[in-house]
Protein backbone atom coordinates (compact mmCIF):
# COMPACT_ATOMS: atom_id res chain seq x y z
CA UNK A 1 134.55 65.94 45.79
CA UNK A 2 136.43 68.89 44.35
CA UNK A 3 135.48 72.53 44.43
CA UNK A 4 134.56 72.37 40.75
CA UNK A 5 132.17 69.46 41.47
CA UNK A 6 130.49 71.63 44.11
CA UNK A 7 130.25 74.57 41.69
CA UNK A 8 128.58 72.37 39.06
CA UNK A 9 125.82 71.54 41.57
CA UNK A 10 125.11 75.06 42.72
CA UNK A 11 127.69 74.91 45.50
CA UNK A 12 125.71 72.57 47.74
CA UNK A 13 126.05 68.82 47.86
CA UNK A 14 122.75 67.26 46.66
CA UNK A 15 122.39 65.18 49.81
CA UNK A 16 122.83 68.30 51.94
CA UNK A 17 120.31 70.17 49.77
CA UNK A 18 117.84 67.29 50.12
CA UNK A 19 118.20 67.36 53.91
CA UNK A 20 117.79 71.16 53.97
CA UNK A 21 114.66 70.85 51.82
CA UNK A 22 113.24 68.14 54.10
CA UNK A 23 113.89 70.17 57.25
CA UNK A 24 112.55 73.36 55.69
CA UNK A 25 109.42 71.52 54.61
CA UNK A 26 108.90 70.48 58.23
CA UNK A 27 109.46 74.06 59.38
CA UNK A 28 106.92 75.31 56.84
CA UNK A 29 104.35 72.78 58.10
CA UNK A 30 104.99 73.76 61.72
CA UNK A 31 104.67 77.47 60.86
CA UNK A 32 101.33 76.77 59.18
CA UNK A 33 100.14 74.84 62.25
CA UNK A 34 101.22 77.69 64.55
CA UNK A 35 99.28 80.22 62.45
CA UNK A 36 96.18 78.02 62.47
CA UNK A 37 96.45 77.46 66.23
CA UNK A 38 96.81 81.20 66.84
CA UNK A 39 93.75 81.82 64.66
CA UNK A 40 91.76 79.34 66.76
CA UNK A 41 93.06 80.93 69.96
CA UNK A 42 91.97 84.38 68.78
CA UNK A 43 88.51 83.07 67.85
CA UNK A 44 88.13 81.97 71.48
CA UNK A 45 89.54 85.19 72.91
CA UNK A 46 87.17 87.21 70.70
CA UNK A 47 84.28 85.36 72.34
CA UNK A 48 85.78 86.14 75.75
CA UNK A 49 85.98 89.80 74.71
CA UNK A 50 82.30 89.83 73.79
CA UNK A 51 81.35 88.25 77.13
CA UNK A 52 83.47 90.77 79.00
CA UNK A 53 81.93 93.68 77.08
CA UNK A 54 78.35 92.46 77.59
CA UNK A 55 78.96 92.01 81.33
CA UNK A 56 81.04 95.19 81.71
CA UNK A 57 84.18 93.32 82.76
CA UNK A 58 87.60 94.90 82.23
CA UNK A 59 89.47 93.92 79.04
CA UNK A 60 92.55 92.82 81.01
CA UNK A 61 92.72 90.21 83.75
CA UNK A 62 96.17 90.55 85.36
CA UNK A 63 95.68 87.57 87.71
CA UNK A 64 94.76 85.27 84.79
CA UNK A 65 97.63 86.63 82.71
CA UNK A 66 100.09 85.95 85.53
CA UNK A 67 98.81 82.38 85.91
CA UNK A 68 99.10 81.86 82.16
CA UNK A 69 102.67 83.15 82.08
CA UNK A 70 103.66 80.84 84.93
CA UNK A 71 101.94 77.91 83.22
CA UNK A 72 103.52 78.64 79.85
CA UNK A 73 107.00 79.00 81.36
CA UNK A 74 106.59 75.56 82.95
CA UNK A 75 105.42 74.08 79.65
CA UNK A 76 108.36 75.68 77.88
CA UNK A 77 110.82 74.24 80.37
CA UNK A 78 109.39 70.74 79.95
CA UNK A 79 109.52 71.16 76.16
CA UNK A 80 113.12 72.45 76.35
CA UNK A 81 112.14 75.83 74.99
CA UNK A 82 113.61 78.96 76.51
CA UNK A 83 111.02 80.06 79.12
CA UNK A 84 111.96 83.72 78.63
CA UNK A 85 111.19 83.40 74.91
CA UNK A 86 107.87 81.69 75.68
CA UNK A 87 106.99 84.48 78.10
CA UNK A 88 107.81 87.17 75.52
CA UNK A 89 105.64 85.39 72.98
CA UNK A 90 102.73 85.07 75.39
CA UNK A 91 103.07 88.71 76.47
CA UNK A 92 102.86 89.72 72.81
CA UNK A 93 99.74 87.58 72.31
CA UNK A 94 98.15 88.87 75.53
CA UNK A 95 98.74 92.48 74.50
CA UNK A 96 96.99 91.80 71.20
CA UNK A 97 94.08 90.06 72.96
CA UNK A 98 93.64 93.01 75.33
CA UNK A 99 93.68 95.39 72.36
CA UNK A 100 90.93 93.32 70.75
CA UNK A 101 88.94 93.27 74.00
CA UNK A 102 89.22 97.05 74.29
CA UNK A 103 88.00 97.44 70.71
CA UNK A 104 85.06 95.13 71.38
CA UNK A 105 84.20 97.00 74.60
CA UNK A 106 84.41 100.35 72.79
CA UNK A 107 82.17 99.20 69.95
CA UNK A 108 79.77 97.56 72.42
CA UNK A 109 79.52 100.84 74.35
CA UNK A 110 78.77 102.78 71.17
CA UNK A 111 76.12 100.27 70.11
CA UNK A 112 74.50 100.53 73.53
CA UNK A 113 74.17 104.31 73.18
CA UNK A 114 72.78 104.24 69.63
């Protein structure tokens, strides 16, 4: 194939473009699944936040968080995912969960005084 043949086809060989499209379609599906799984996770953690607020438990649970990080790092290693990346991701999610729990506790406290 000459350079002019490549230029006529947008610069990418059609078989390469087809493979890129196939792989990107898989990535798009995985991204959608990740978003849906995170949404389900946050539905559960919202319920935990309500329970904690009703029973006056602290929004954060450092012992649980530590166990979860250890567990996720092990899962990442077995899945051949960088454990440090998995830990950063979980820390980000945990911080958001705690923020939600604090918001729930704050609104629960206001409702209790109304």
